[in-house]
Amino acid sequence: MRFRYEASDKRLNEVYKQLVASLSAEERSILAEAQLGWIKVRDNTCEFEVYKNRGGTGYGGFLNECLDRMTKARTAELEQYLKER
């Protein structure tokens, strides 16, 4: 499970870098702020989603599953922005 999330995160970073390269300085600044906000939302959402499993043996797997799912969705959003450039 962890490896899937790591692969998703790597892909997200690749797409983010491609998108940033196509933006103006002002757009890059706005996107960077949006991305930091998204990271906070992703992390807090996943912590909430798996909270009931804290202390259990499946906690890490459930957390990584959520992180993977949300990261793939964000990557798709960034890919769409890239297509629209």
Protein backbone atom coordinates (compact mmCIF):
# COMPACT_ATOMS: atom_id res chain seq x y z
CA MET A 1 0.00 0.00 0.00
CA ARG A 2 2.76 2.41 0.92
CA PHE A 3 4.50 1.81 -2.40
CA ARG A 4 1.35 2.73 -4.33
CA TYR A 5 1.11 6.03 -2.46
CA GLU A 6 4.81 6.73 -3.03
CA ALA A 7 4.36 6.07 -6.76
CA SER A 8 1.29 8.32 -6.84
CA ASP A 9 3.14 11.07 -5.00
CA LYS A 10 6.07 10.81 -7.42
CA ARG A 11 3.69 11.11 -10.39
CA LEU A 12 1.97 14.10 -8.78
CA ASN A 13 5.32 15.85 -8.41
CA GLU A 14 6.21 15.15 -12.05
CA VAL A 15 2.93 16.60 -13.31
CA TYR A 16 3.22 19.57 -10.93
CA LYS A 17 6.69 20.39 -12.29
CA GLN A 18 5.44 20.16 -15.88
CA LEU A 19 2.56 22.49 -15.08
CA VAL A 20 4.76 24.98 -13.22
CA ALA A 21 7.09 25.16 -16.23
CA SER A 22 4.17 26.37 -18.36
CA LEU A 23 3.01 29.13 -16.01
CA SER A 24 3.80 32.79 -15.50
CA ALA A 25 5.47 33.86 -12.25
CA GLU A 26 2.14 35.03 -10.84
CA GLU A 27 0.39 31.80 -11.81
CA ARG A 28 3.22 29.76 -10.23
CA SER A 29 2.80 31.66 -6.99
CA ILE A 30 -0.95 31.05 -6.93
CA LEU A 31 -0.52 27.37 -7.77
CA ALA A 32 2.14 26.92 -5.08
CA GLU A 33 -0.23 28.39 -2.49
CA ALA A 34 -3.09 26.22 -3.75
CA GLN A 35 -0.90 23.12 -3.63
CA LEU A 36 0.16 23.79 -0.03
CA GLY A 37 -3.50 24.21 0.89
CA TRP A 38 -4.40 21.00 -0.91
CA ILE A 39 -1.68 19.08 0.98
CA LYS A 40 -3.16 20.27 4.29
CA VAL A 41 -6.67 19.29 3.19
CA ARG A 42 -5.47 15.87 1.96
CA ASP A 43 -3.58 15.12 5.15
CA ASN A 44 -6.35 16.30 7.47
CA THR A 45 -9.03 14.50 5.47
CA CYS A 46 -7.11 11.23 5.56
CA GLU A 47 -6.37 11.58 9.27
CA PHE A 48 -10.08 12.08 9.91
CA GLU A 49 -11.09 9.25 7.58
CA VAL A 50 -8.91 6.67 9.36
CA TYR A 51 -9.13 8.09 12.89
CA LYS A 52 -11.30 5.24 14.15
CA ASN A 53 -8.52 2.81 13.18
CA ARG A 54 -5.82 4.51 15.29
CA GLY A 55 -3.85 1.96 17.24
CA GLY A 56 -5.05 -0.87 15.03
CA THR A 57 -2.82 -2.96 12.82
CA GLY A 58 -4.50 -1.69 9.64
CA TYR A 59 -4.12 2.01 10.42
CA GLY A 60 -1.05 2.60 8.24
CA GLY A 61 -2.54 0.74 5.32
CA PHE A 62 -5.83 2.62 5.54
CA LEU A 63 -3.99 5.94 5.79
CA ASN A 64 -1.83 5.19 2.77
CA GLU A 65 -4.88 4.05 0.80
CA CYS A 66 -6.56 7.40 1.46
CA LEU A 67 -3.40 9.35 0.62
CA ASP A 68 -3.02 7.36 -2.60
CA ARG A 69 -6.63 7.93 -3.65
CA MET A 70 -6.57 11.66 -2.97
CA THR A 71 -3.16 12.10 -4.60
CA LYS A 72 -4.33 10.36 -7.77
CA ALA A 73 -7.37 12.64 -7.89
CA ARG A 74 -5.18 15.75 -7.49
CA THR A 75 -2.82 14.49 -10.19
CA ALA A 76 -5.79 14.16 -12.56
CA GLU A 77 -6.78 17.77 -11.77
CA LEU A 78 -3.26 19.03 -12.48
CA GLU A 79 -3.11 16.98 -15.70
CA GLN A 80 -6.34 18.65 -16.80
CA TYR A 81 -4.85 22.11 -16.11
CA LEU A 82 -1.81 21.08 -18.15
CA LYS A 83 -4.00 19.98 -21.08
CA GLU A 84 -5.78 23.33 -21.02
CA ARG A 85 -2.52 25.30 -21.33
